[in-house]
Amino acid sequence: MTIPTTDLLRLTQWMSPAFPTSGYAYSHGFEAAHARGIATADDVRDWLRAVLQYGSGPLDCWAVRAVLAGASPDAVAATLRARAGCAERWRETWDQGAAFAATTNALGLPHLRPAPLPVVLAVRARGILPTTVCALYLQALAGQVVSAALRLVPLGQTQGQGIIAALHSDIAEVAAAEWDEPPGLGAVLAECDATAHEVQQPRLFRT
């Protein structure tokens, strides 16, 4: 099915680092991973792959698909809160979702209450293919983590882009997957990193 160009432009604008959700302020727990020794391009890629394949990646894509299919946004948000591995996981998705809602409200779209980022994105993206929405959402998440890694690990911009490119097949696989029930959080080390970050000092990132 062909995606209307305007829909694709709208979605890529929302998922762009330039869109004011303050994604640059969150490392998704990677800052704690770096503190325990994640320090090479291969390490970053493998850590991020686990998040995308088994962690918040599948869970967030389930949420996007559920809302696009007509599920109650409030019910999906409640599930995401219950499944959040720690307080910072919830804060990250809620704060970015609130910023997304506020910005799109200010752009003249129908008023939307704050909710986790996958939920508000799906509400705004109704009518766009779920696989496309999920793919661009996961790519944005990968870019957010890589951006954080570039500020923590001695990596160059080209290496950072190489990490994202190496994950394209993983992103495509997760974006195309469907779940009858919300998937569990299986990236255990990444969840432990997010939890450890709550008490980490000093730190650069909110999560």
N, C-alpha and C. Protein backbone atom coordinates (compact mmCIF):
# COMPACT_ATOMS: atom_id res chain seq x y z
N MET A 1 0.85 -1.20 0.00
CA MET A 1 0.00 0.00 0.00
C MET A 1 0.88 1.24 0.00
N THR A 2 0.56 2.18 -0.88
CA THR A 2 1.34 3.41 -0.97
C THR A 2 0.96 4.36 0.16
N ILE A 3 1.96 4.95 0.79
CA ILE A 3 1.73 5.92 1.86
C ILE A 3 1.69 7.31 1.25
N PRO A 4 0.63 8.08 1.49
CA PRO A 4 0.61 9.45 0.96
C PRO A 4 1.83 10.22 1.41
N THR A 5 2.39 10.98 0.50
CA THR A 5 3.61 11.72 0.80
C THR A 5 3.43 12.64 2.00
N THR A 6 2.28 13.28 2.10
CA THR A 6 2.06 14.20 3.23
C THR A 6 2.04 13.45 4.56
N ASP A 7 1.48 12.23 4.58
CA ASP A 7 1.50 11.43 5.80
C ASP A 7 2.93 11.07 6.20
N LEU A 8 3.74 10.68 5.21
CA LEU A 8 5.12 10.32 5.49
C LEU A 8 5.91 11.53 5.98
N LEU A 9 5.67 12.68 5.39
CA LEU A 9 6.35 13.89 5.83
C LEU A 9 5.95 14.26 7.25
N ARG A 10 4.67 14.13 7.55
CA ARG A 10 4.19 14.44 8.89
C ARG A 10 4.83 13.53 9.93
N LEU A 11 4.88 12.24 9.62
CA LEU A 11 5.44 11.26 10.55
C LEU A 11 6.93 11.47 10.76
N THR A 12 7.66 11.72 9.68
CA THR A 12 9.10 11.94 9.82
C THR A 12 9.39 13.24 10.56
N GLN A 13 8.53 14.24 10.40
CA GLN A 13 8.70 15.48 11.17
C GLN A 13 8.55 15.20 12.65
N TRP A 14 7.52 14.43 13.02
CA TRP A 14 7.30 14.11 14.43
C TRP A 14 8.43 13.32 15.04
N MET A 15 9.04 12.44 14.24
CA MET A 15 10.11 11.57 14.75
C MET A 15 11.50 12.18 14.58
N SER A 16 11.57 13.37 14.04
CA SER A 16 12.85 14.03 13.83
C SER A 16 13.44 14.50 15.16
N PRO A 17 14.79 14.48 15.28
CA PRO A 17 15.41 15.04 16.49
C PRO A 17 15.08 16.52 16.69
N ALA A 18 14.66 17.20 15.60
CA ALA A 18 14.32 18.62 15.70
C ALA A 18 12.96 18.84 16.36
N PHE A 19 12.13 17.79 16.44
CA PHE A 19 10.81 17.96 17.04
C PHE A 19 10.98 18.06 18.55
N PRO A 20 10.38 19.07 19.20
CA PRO A 20 10.71 19.38 20.60
C PRO A 20 10.09 18.45 21.63
N THR A 21 10.57 17.21 21.66
CA THR A 21 10.20 16.29 22.74
C THR A 21 11.33 16.14 23.74
N SER A 22 12.43 16.86 23.52
CA SER A 22 13.61 16.81 24.40
C SER A 22 14.25 15.43 24.47
N GLY A 23 14.19 14.69 23.35
CA GLY A 23 14.80 13.37 23.33
C GLY A 23 16.29 13.39 23.64
N TYR A 24 16.94 14.52 23.33
CA TYR A 24 18.37 14.65 23.60
C TYR A 24 18.71 14.55 25.09
N ALA A 25 17.72 14.74 25.96
CA ALA A 25 17.96 14.75 27.41
C ALA A 25 17.86 13.36 28.03
N TYR A 26 17.50 12.35 27.23
CA TYR A 26 17.29 11.01 27.77
C TYR A 26 18.23 10.01 27.10
N SER A 27 18.83 9.13 27.90
CA SER A 27 19.72 8.12 27.34
C SER A 27 19.10 6.73 27.37
N HIS A 28 17.87 6.59 27.87
CA HIS A 28 17.18 5.30 27.94
C HIS A 28 17.93 4.32 28.83
N GLY A 29 18.68 4.84 29.77
CA GLY A 29 19.47 3.99 30.66
C GLY A 29 20.88 3.73 30.17
N PHE A 30 21.21 4.22 28.97
CA PHE A 30 22.54 3.92 28.43
C PHE A 30 23.65 4.55 29.26
N GLU A 31 23.38 5.70 29.87
CA GLU A 31 24.43 6.33 30.67
C GLU A 31 24.92 5.40 31.77
N ALA A 32 24.02 4.66 32.39
CA ALA A 32 24.42 3.69 33.41
C ALA A 32 25.14 2.51 32.78
N ALA A 33 24.73 2.11 31.58
CA ALA A 33 25.43 1.02 30.89
C ALA A 33 26.87 1.42 30.60
N HIS A 34 27.05 2.65 30.19
CA HIS A 34 28.41 3.15 29.94
C HIS A 34 29.22 3.15 31.22
N ALA A 35 28.60 3.51 32.32
CA ALA A 35 29.31 3.56 33.60
C ALA A 35 29.80 2.18 34.03
N ARG A 36 29.11 1.13 33.61
CA ARG A 36 29.54 -0.22 33.98
C ARG A 36 30.42 -0.87 32.92
N GLY A 37 30.77 -0.11 31.86
CA GLY A 37 31.78 -0.61 30.94
C GLY A 37 31.41 -0.73 29.48
N ILE A 38 30.21 -0.31 29.08
CA ILE A 38 29.85 -0.33 27.66
C ILE A 38 30.58 0.82 26.98
N ALA A 39 31.61 0.50 26.19
CA ALA A 39 32.50 1.58 25.76
C ALA A 39 33.01 1.47 24.33
N THR A 40 32.47 0.55 23.52
CA THR A 40 32.89 0.45 22.13
C THR A 40 31.67 0.52 21.22
N ALA A 41 31.90 0.72 19.94
CA ALA A 41 30.80 0.78 18.98
C ALA A 41 30.03 -0.53 18.97
N ASP A 42 30.75 -1.65 19.04
CA ASP A 42 30.07 -2.96 19.05
C ASP A 42 29.24 -3.12 20.31
N ASP A 43 29.77 -2.66 21.44
CA ASP A 43 29.01 -2.73 22.70
C ASP A 43 27.71 -1.94 22.60
N VAL A 44 27.83 -0.73 22.07
CA VAL A 44 26.64 0.14 21.94
C VAL A 44 25.61 -0.52 21.04
N ARG A 45 26.07 -1.04 19.90
CA ARG A 45 25.16 -1.70 18.96
C ARG A 45 24.44 -2.87 19.61
N ASP A 46 25.18 -3.72 20.32
CA ASP A 46 24.58 -4.90 20.93
C ASP A 46 23.60 -4.52 22.05
N TRP A 47 23.96 -3.51 22.85
CA TRP A 47 23.06 -3.06 23.92
C TRP A 47 21.77 -2.51 23.32
N LEU A 48 21.90 -1.72 22.28
CA LEU A 48 20.73 -1.12 21.65
C LEU A 48 19.90 -2.17 20.92
N ARG A 49 20.56 -3.15 20.32
CA ARG A 49 19.82 -4.22 19.66
C ARG A 49 18.94 -4.97 20.66
N ALA A 50 19.44 -5.21 21.86
CA ALA A 50 18.65 -5.89 22.88
C ALA A 50 17.42 -5.07 23.25
N VAL A 51 17.59 -3.75 23.37
CA VAL A 51 16.46 -2.87 23.69
C VAL A 51 15.41 -2.93 22.58
N LEU A 52 15.87 -2.87 21.34
CA LEU A 52 14.95 -2.84 20.21
C LEU A 52 14.24 -4.17 20.02
N GLN A 53 14.95 -5.29 20.24
CA GLN A 53 14.36 -6.60 19.98
C GLN A 53 13.57 -7.16 21.15
N TYR A 54 14.03 -6.87 22.38
CA TYR A 54 13.46 -7.55 23.53
C TYR A 54 13.00 -6.61 24.65
N GLY A 55 13.34 -5.34 24.57
CA GLY A 55 13.04 -4.41 25.64
C GLY A 55 11.84 -3.54 25.35
N SER A 56 12.03 -2.24 25.48
CA SER A 56 10.91 -1.32 25.27
C SER A 56 10.51 -1.23 23.80
N GLY A 57 11.37 -1.65 22.88
CA GLY A 57 11.02 -1.61 21.46
C GLY A 57 9.75 -2.37 21.15
N PRO A 58 9.69 -3.69 21.42
CA PRO A 58 8.46 -4.44 21.15
C PRO A 58 7.26 -3.94 21.94
N LEU A 59 7.47 -3.58 23.20
CA LEU A 59 6.35 -3.12 24.02
C LEU A 59 5.76 -1.83 23.45
N ASP A 60 6.60 -0.90 23.08
CA ASP A 60 6.11 0.36 22.52
C ASP A 60 5.42 0.14 21.18
N CYS A 61 5.95 -0.79 20.36
CA CYS A 61 5.30 -1.08 19.09
C CYS A 61 3.95 -1.75 19.31
N TRP A 62 3.86 -2.61 20.32
CA TRP A 62 2.54 -3.17 20.66
C TRP A 62 1.56 -2.04 20.98
N ALA A 63 2.01 -1.05 21.75
CA ALA A 63 1.15 0.07 22.14
C ALA A 63 0.70 0.86 20.91
N VAL A 64 1.63 1.12 20.00
CA VAL A 64 1.28 1.84 18.78
C VAL A 64 0.23 1.08 18.00
N ARG A 65 0.46 -0.21 17.80
CA ARG A 65 -0.48 -1.01 17.02
C ARG A 65 -1.84 -1.10 17.71
N ALA A 66 -1.84 -1.22 19.03
CA ALA A 66 -3.11 -1.34 19.75
C ALA A 66 -3.96 -0.08 19.58
N VAL A 67 -3.34 1.09 19.74
CA VAL A 67 -4.08 2.34 19.60
C VAL A 67 -4.54 2.53 18.16
N LEU A 68 -3.68 2.22 17.20
CA LEU A 68 -4.06 2.36 15.80
C LEU A 68 -5.23 1.43 15.45
N ALA A 69 -5.32 0.30 16.16
CA ALA A 69 -6.40 -0.66 15.89
C ALA A 69 -7.68 -0.30 16.62
N GLY A 70 -7.66 0.76 17.43
CA GLY A 70 -8.87 1.22 18.09
C GLY A 70 -8.93 0.99 19.58
N ALA A 71 -7.88 0.48 20.19
CA ALA A 71 -7.89 0.28 21.64
C ALA A 71 -7.92 1.61 22.37
N SER A 72 -8.42 1.61 23.57
CA SER A 72 -8.49 2.83 24.37
C SER A 72 -7.08 3.35 24.68
N PRO A 73 -6.76 4.59 24.32
CA PRO A 73 -5.45 5.13 24.65
C PRO A 73 -5.17 5.10 26.15
N ASP A 74 -6.20 5.35 26.97
CA ASP A 74 -6.00 5.32 28.42
C ASP A 74 -5.64 3.92 28.90
N ALA A 75 -6.30 2.91 28.35
CA ALA A 75 -6.01 1.53 28.75
C ALA A 75 -4.61 1.12 28.32
N VAL A 76 -4.21 1.51 27.13
CA VAL A 76 -2.86 1.19 26.65
C VAL A 76 -1.82 1.91 27.50
N ALA A 77 -2.08 3.17 27.84
CA ALA A 77 -1.16 3.93 28.69
C ALA A 77 -1.03 3.26 30.05
N ALA A 78 -2.13 2.75 30.59
CA ALA A 78 -2.08 2.08 31.88
C ALA A 78 -1.23 0.81 31.82
N THR A 79 -1.31 0.10 30.71
CA THR A 79 -0.49 -1.09 30.53
C THR A 79 0.99 -0.73 30.46
N LEU A 80 1.30 0.33 29.73
CA LEU A 80 2.69 0.76 29.64
C LEU A 80 3.23 1.16 31.01
N ARG A 81 2.40 1.83 31.80
CA ARG A 81 2.86 2.21 33.14
C ARG A 81 3.11 0.98 34.00
N ALA A 82 2.21 0.01 33.90
CA ALA A 82 2.38 -1.22 34.68
C ALA A 82 3.60 -2.00 34.25
N ARG A 83 3.95 -1.93 32.96
CA ARG A 83 5.07 -2.69 32.43
C ARG A 83 6.39 -1.92 32.51
N ALA A 84 6.36 -0.65 32.89
CA ALA A 84 7.61 0.12 32.98
C ALA A 84 8.54 -0.53 34.00
N GLY A 85 9.79 -0.73 33.60
CA GLY A 85 10.72 -1.43 34.46
C GLY A 85 11.13 -0.66 35.70
N CYS A 86 11.03 0.66 35.64
CA CYS A 86 11.40 1.49 36.78
C CYS A 86 10.80 2.88 36.56
N ALA A 87 10.96 3.73 37.56
CA ALA A 87 10.36 5.07 37.50
C ALA A 87 10.92 5.89 36.34
N GLU A 88 12.20 5.76 36.06
CA GLU A 88 12.79 6.55 34.97
C GLU A 88 12.27 6.12 33.61
N ARG A 89 12.02 4.82 33.43
CA ARG A 89 11.44 4.35 32.17
C ARG A 89 10.09 5.06 31.93
N TRP A 90 9.28 5.10 32.99
CA TRP A 90 7.98 5.75 32.86
C TRP A 90 8.14 7.24 32.63
N ARG A 91 9.05 7.88 33.35
CA ARG A 91 9.25 9.32 33.22
C ARG A 91 9.66 9.67 31.79
N GLU A 92 10.53 8.86 31.21
CA GLU A 92 11.02 9.16 29.86
C GLU A 92 9.89 9.14 28.84
N THR A 93 9.10 8.07 28.86
CA THR A 93 8.04 7.97 27.86
C THR A 93 6.92 8.96 28.13
N TRP A 94 6.63 9.23 29.42
CA TRP A 94 5.56 10.19 29.74
C TRP A 94 5.98 11.61 29.40
N ASP A 95 7.18 12.01 29.79
CA ASP A 95 7.62 13.39 29.54
C ASP A 95 7.70 13.69 28.05
N GLN A 96 8.23 12.75 27.29
CA GLN A 96 8.30 12.98 25.84
C GLN A 96 6.92 12.97 25.21
N GLY A 97 6.04 12.12 25.71
CA GLY A 97 4.68 12.11 25.20
C GLY A 97 3.93 13.40 25.52
N ALA A 98 4.16 13.93 26.72
CA ALA A 98 3.52 15.19 27.09
C ALA A 98 4.02 16.33 26.21
N ALA A 99 5.32 16.34 25.92
CA ALA A 99 5.88 17.37 25.05
C ALA A 99 5.35 17.23 23.63
N PHE A 100 5.22 15.99 23.16
CA PHE A 100 4.68 15.74 21.83
C PHE A 100 3.24 16.24 21.74
N ALA A 101 2.44 15.93 22.75
CA ALA A 101 1.04 16.36 22.75
C ALA A 101 0.95 17.89 22.75
N ALA A 102 1.76 18.53 23.59
CA ALA A 102 1.70 19.99 23.69
C ALA A 102 2.09 20.65 22.38
N THR A 103 3.12 20.12 21.73
CA THR A 103 3.58 20.73 20.48
C THR A 103 2.57 20.54 19.37
N THR A 104 2.03 19.32 19.23
CA THR A 104 1.05 19.10 18.16
C THR A 104 -0.25 19.84 18.44
N ASN A 105 -0.61 20.01 19.72
CA ASN A 105 -1.77 20.85 20.04
C ASN A 105 -1.54 22.27 19.57
N ALA A 106 -0.33 22.78 19.81
CA ALA A 106 0.00 24.15 19.43
C ALA A 106 0.03 24.34 17.92
N LEU A 107 0.22 23.23 17.19
CA LEU A 107 0.22 23.30 15.72
C LEU A 107 -1.19 23.29 15.14
N GLY A 108 -2.19 23.25 16.03
CA GLY A 108 -3.56 23.35 15.56
C GLY A 108 -4.28 22.03 15.37
N LEU A 109 -3.65 20.92 15.76
CA LEU A 109 -4.33 19.63 15.66
C LEU A 109 -5.34 19.49 16.81
N PRO A 110 -6.30 18.57 16.68
CA PRO A 110 -7.29 18.39 17.76
C PRO A 110 -6.60 18.16 19.10
N HIS A 111 -7.16 18.75 20.13
CA HIS A 111 -6.50 18.72 21.44
C HIS A 111 -6.28 17.28 21.91
N LEU A 112 -5.09 17.05 22.43
CA LEU A 112 -4.69 15.72 22.90
C LEU A 112 -4.12 15.85 24.30
N ARG A 113 -4.61 15.04 25.23
CA ARG A 113 -4.08 15.06 26.59
C ARG A 113 -2.72 14.36 26.66
N PRO A 114 -1.89 14.71 27.63
CA PRO A 114 -0.60 14.03 27.77
C PRO A 114 -0.79 12.53 27.97
N ALA A 115 0.14 11.76 27.43
CA ALA A 115 0.14 10.31 27.55
C ALA A 115 1.53 9.83 27.15
N PRO A 116 1.86 8.56 27.36
CA PRO A 116 3.17 8.07 26.92
C PRO A 116 3.38 8.30 25.43
N LEU A 117 4.63 8.48 25.03
CA LEU A 117 4.94 8.83 23.65
C LEU A 117 4.34 7.86 22.63
N PRO A 118 4.44 6.54 22.79
CA PRO A 118 3.85 5.66 21.77
C PRO A 118 2.34 5.85 21.63
N VAL A 119 1.69 6.21 22.72
CA VAL A 119 0.23 6.37 22.69
C VAL A 119 -0.16 7.64 21.94
N VAL A 120 0.44 8.76 22.30
CA VAL A 120 0.07 10.01 21.63
C VAL A 120 0.49 9.99 20.16
N LEU A 121 1.62 9.35 19.87
CA LEU A 121 2.04 9.23 18.48
C LEU A 121 1.00 8.45 17.69
N ALA A 122 0.54 7.34 18.24
CA ALA A 122 -0.44 6.52 17.52
C ALA A 122 -1.76 7.25 17.32
N VAL A 123 -2.19 8.02 18.31
CA VAL A 123 -3.42 8.79 18.15
C VAL A 123 -3.29 9.77 16.99
N ARG A 124 -2.16 10.44 16.92
CA ARG A 124 -1.93 11.40 15.84
C ARG A 124 -1.75 10.70 14.49
N ALA A 125 -1.23 9.46 14.52
CA ALA A 125 -0.88 8.78 13.27
C ALA A 125 -1.98 7.88 12.75
N ARG A 126 -3.18 7.96 13.29
CA ARG A 126 -4.26 7.12 12.81
C ARG A 126 -4.47 7.32 11.31
N GLY A 127 -4.55 6.19 10.61
CA GLY A 127 -4.66 6.24 9.16
C GLY A 127 -3.37 5.90 8.45
N ILE A 128 -2.26 5.89 9.18
CA ILE A 128 -0.96 5.52 8.61
C ILE A 128 -0.68 4.06 8.95
N LEU A 129 -0.04 3.35 8.06
CA LEU A 129 0.24 1.94 8.28
C LEU A 129 1.01 1.72 9.58
N PRO A 130 0.56 0.80 10.42
CA PRO A 130 1.25 0.56 11.69
C PRO A 130 2.72 0.22 11.55
N THR A 131 3.07 -0.58 10.55
CA THR A 131 4.48 -0.96 10.38
C THR A 131 5.34 0.26 10.10
N THR A 132 4.82 1.20 9.33
CA THR A 132 5.57 2.42 9.04
C THR A 132 5.74 3.26 10.30
N VAL A 133 4.68 3.41 11.07
CA VAL A 133 4.76 4.19 12.30
C VAL A 133 5.77 3.55 13.26
N CYS A 134 5.67 2.23 13.42
CA CYS A 134 6.58 1.54 14.34
C CYS A 134 8.03 1.63 13.88
N ALA A 135 8.26 1.50 12.58
CA ALA A 135 9.63 1.55 12.06
C ALA A 135 10.27 2.90 12.33
N LEU A 136 9.55 3.98 12.06
CA LEU A 136 10.11 5.30 12.28
C LEU A 136 10.23 5.60 13.78
N TYR A 137 9.32 5.07 14.57
CA TYR A 137 9.44 5.24 16.03
C TYR A 137 10.70 4.56 16.55
N LEU A 138 10.95 3.32 16.12
CA LEU A 138 12.13 2.59 16.57
C LEU A 138 13.41 3.24 16.07
N GLN A 139 13.38 3.74 14.84
CA GLN A 139 14.57 4.43 14.31
C GLN A 139 14.86 5.68 15.14
N ALA A 140 13.82 6.39 15.54
CA ALA A 140 14.01 7.57 16.38
C ALA A 140 14.58 7.19 17.75
N LEU A 141 14.10 6.08 18.32
CA LEU A 141 14.64 5.60 19.59
C LEU A 141 16.11 5.24 19.44
N ALA A 142 16.45 4.56 18.36
CA ALA A 142 17.85 4.21 18.11
C ALA A 142 18.70 5.46 17.99
N GLY A 143 18.20 6.45 17.27
CA GLY A 143 18.94 7.70 17.13
C GLY A 143 19.13 8.42 18.45
N GLN A 144 18.12 8.36 19.31
CA GLN A 144 18.22 8.99 20.63
C GLN A 144 19.33 8.35 21.46
N VAL A 145 19.38 7.02 21.48
CA VAL A 145 20.41 6.32 22.25
C VAL A 145 21.79 6.56 21.65
N VAL A 146 21.90 6.51 20.34
CA VAL A 146 23.19 6.74 19.70
C VAL A 146 23.67 8.17 19.96
N SER A 147 22.76 9.12 19.94
CA SER A 147 23.14 10.50 20.24
C SER A 147 23.72 10.60 21.64
N ALA A 148 23.09 9.91 22.60
CA ALA A 148 23.62 9.89 23.96
C ALA A 148 24.99 9.22 24.00
N ALA A 149 25.12 8.12 23.27
CA ALA A 149 26.39 7.39 23.26
C ALA A 149 27.52 8.24 22.70
N LEU A 150 27.22 9.06 21.71
CA LEU A 150 28.26 9.90 21.12
C LEU A 150 28.80 10.91 22.13
N ARG A 151 28.00 11.26 23.12
CA ARG A 151 28.46 12.19 24.14
C ARG A 151 29.16 11.49 25.30
N LEU A 152 29.09 10.17 25.35
CA LEU A 152 29.68 9.42 26.45
C LEU A 152 30.85 8.54 26.03
N VAL A 153 30.75 7.96 24.85
CA VAL A 153 31.73 6.99 24.36
C VAL A 153 32.59 7.69 23.31
N PRO A 154 33.88 7.37 23.21
CA PRO A 154 34.71 7.98 22.15
C PRO A 154 34.38 7.42 20.78
N LEU A 155 33.21 7.82 20.26
CA LEU A 155 32.77 7.42 18.93
C LEU A 155 32.65 8.65 18.03
N GLY A 156 32.87 8.45 16.75
CA GLY A 156 32.66 9.54 15.80
C GLY A 156 31.26 9.49 15.23
N GLN A 157 30.89 10.54 14.54
CA GLN A 157 29.56 10.61 13.93
C GLN A 157 29.35 9.48 12.94
N THR A 158 30.38 9.14 12.16
CA THR A 158 30.24 8.07 11.18
C THR A 158 30.00 6.73 11.86
N GLN A 159 30.72 6.48 12.95
CA GLN A 159 30.50 5.25 13.70
C GLN A 159 29.08 5.20 14.26
N GLY A 160 28.60 6.34 14.73
CA GLY A 160 27.24 6.38 15.25
C GLY A 160 26.22 6.04 14.18
N GLN A 161 26.40 6.60 12.99
CA GLN A 161 25.49 6.29 11.91
C GLN A 161 25.61 4.84 11.48
N GLY A 162 26.80 4.30 11.59
CA GLY A 162 27.00 2.88 11.27
C GLY A 162 26.24 1.98 12.21
N ILE A 163 26.18 2.36 13.47
CA ILE A 163 25.42 1.58 14.45
C ILE A 163 23.94 1.54 14.06
N ILE A 164 23.38 2.69 13.72
CA ILE A 164 21.96 2.74 13.34
C ILE A 164 21.73 1.93 12.07
N ALA A 165 22.62 2.07 11.08
CA ALA A 165 22.46 1.32 9.83
C ALA A 165 22.51 -0.19 10.08
N ALA A 166 23.36 -0.61 11.00
CA ALA A 166 23.48 -2.04 11.30
C ALA A 166 22.22 -2.60 11.95
N LEU A 167 21.38 -1.73 12.49
CA LEU A 167 20.18 -2.16 13.18
C LEU A 167 18.92 -2.07 12.32
N HIS A 168 19.05 -1.67 11.06
CA HIS A 168 17.88 -1.50 10.22
C HIS A 168 17.06 -2.79 10.08
N SER A 169 17.74 -3.93 9.90
CA SER A 169 16.99 -5.18 9.75
C SER A 169 16.26 -5.53 11.04
N ASP A 170 16.88 -5.24 12.19
CA ASP A 170 16.22 -5.49 13.47
C ASP A 170 15.00 -4.59 13.63
N ILE A 171 15.16 -3.33 13.28
CA ILE A 171 14.04 -2.39 13.36
C ILE A 171 12.90 -2.85 12.46
N ALA A 172 13.22 -3.26 11.23
CA ALA A 172 12.18 -3.71 10.30
C ALA A 172 11.45 -4.94 10.83
N GLU A 173 12.20 -5.85 11.44
CA GLU A 173 11.59 -7.08 11.97
C GLU A 173 10.63 -6.78 13.11
N VAL A 174 11.05 -5.96 14.05
CA VAL A 174 10.20 -5.64 15.19
C VAL A 174 9.00 -4.81 14.75
N ALA A 175 9.23 -3.87 13.82
CA ALA A 175 8.13 -3.01 13.36
C ALA A 175 7.03 -3.81 12.67
N ALA A 176 7.40 -4.92 12.03
CA ALA A 176 6.42 -5.73 11.30
C ALA A 176 5.73 -6.77 12.18
N ALA A 177 6.25 -6.99 13.38
CA ALA A 177 5.70 -8.03 14.25
C ALA A 177 4.36 -7.59 14.86
N GLU A 178 3.52 -8.56 15.16
CA GLU A 178 2.24 -8.31 15.81
C GLU A 178 2.13 -9.20 17.05
N TRP A 179 1.47 -8.69 18.07
CA TRP A 179 1.32 -9.43 19.33
C TRP A 179 -0.14 -9.41 19.76
N ASP A 180 -0.61 -10.58 20.21
CA ASP A 180 -1.96 -10.64 20.78
C ASP A 180 -2.00 -10.02 22.16
N GLU A 181 -0.89 -10.17 22.89
CA GLU A 181 -0.76 -9.61 24.23
C GLU A 181 0.50 -8.75 24.29
N PRO A 182 0.55 -7.78 25.19
CA PRO A 182 1.76 -6.94 25.27
C PRO A 182 2.98 -7.79 25.62
N PRO A 183 4.08 -7.65 24.88
CA PRO A 183 5.28 -8.43 25.16
C PRO A 183 5.93 -7.99 26.46
N GLY A 184 6.61 -8.91 27.09
CA GLY A 184 7.33 -8.57 28.32
C GLY A 184 8.64 -7.88 28.02
N LEU A 185 9.22 -7.30 29.04
CA LEU A 185 10.52 -6.63 28.88
C LEU A 185 11.61 -7.67 29.11
N GLY A 186 12.25 -8.10 28.01
CA GLY A 186 13.24 -9.16 28.10
C GLY A 186 14.68 -8.69 28.07
N ALA A 187 14.91 -7.40 27.88
CA ALA A 187 16.28 -6.88 27.87
C ALA A 187 16.67 -6.57 29.32
N VAL A 188 17.01 -7.62 30.05
CA VAL A 188 17.16 -7.50 31.50
C VAL A 188 18.27 -6.54 31.89
N LEU A 189 19.42 -6.64 31.24
CA LEU A 189 20.53 -5.75 31.60
C LEU A 189 20.17 -4.29 31.34
N ALA A 190 19.48 -4.04 30.24
CA ALA A 190 19.08 -2.66 29.92
C ALA A 190 18.11 -2.13 30.97
N GLU A 191 17.21 -2.99 31.45
CA GLU A 191 16.28 -2.56 32.49
C GLU A 191 17.03 -2.31 33.81
N CYS A 192 18.03 -3.16 34.10
CA CYS A 192 18.84 -2.93 35.30
C CYS A 192 19.62 -1.63 35.18
N ASP A 193 20.10 -1.33 33.96
CA ASP A 193 20.81 -0.06 33.76
C ASP A 193 19.89 1.12 34.01
N ALA A 194 18.66 1.03 33.51
CA ALA A 194 17.70 2.13 33.72
C ALA A 194 17.43 2.33 35.21
N THR A 195 17.33 1.22 35.94
CA THR A 195 17.10 1.31 37.38
C THR A 195 18.31 1.90 38.09
N ALA A 196 19.50 1.44 37.72
CA ALA A 196 20.73 1.95 38.35
C ALA A 196 20.91 3.44 38.09
N HIS A 197 20.44 3.91 36.95
CA HIS A 197 20.62 5.32 36.60
C HIS A 197 19.87 6.24 37.55
N GLU A 198 18.83 5.72 38.19
CA GLU A 198 18.03 6.56 39.08
C GLU A 198 18.85 7.13 40.24
N VAL A 199 19.92 6.44 40.62
CA VAL A 199 20.75 6.92 41.73
C VAL A 199 22.17 7.26 41.28
N GLN A 200 22.39 7.28 39.98
CA GLN A 200 23.73 7.55 39.48
C GLN A 200 24.08 9.04 39.61
N GLN A 201 25.25 9.32 40.12
CA GLN A 201 25.76 10.69 40.22
C GLN A 201 27.28 10.67 40.02
N PRO A 202 27.82 11.61 39.28
CA PRO A 202 27.13 12.62 38.48
C PRO A 202 26.54 11.99 37.21
N ARG A 203 25.69 12.71 36.54
CA ARG A 203 25.12 12.21 35.30
C ARG A 203 24.77 13.37 34.39
N LEU A 204 24.70 13.07 33.10
CA LEU A 204 24.37 14.07 32.08
C LEU A 204 22.90 14.04 31.69
N PHE A 205 22.27 12.87 31.80
CA PHE A 205 20.94 12.66 31.22
C PHE A 205 19.88 12.46 32.30
N ARG A 206 18.65 12.75 31.96
CA ARG A 206 17.54 12.57 32.90
C ARG A 206 17.28 11.10 33.17
N THR A 207 17.50 10.25 32.16
CA THR A 207 17.28 8.81 32.32
C THR A 207 18.46 8.06 31.71
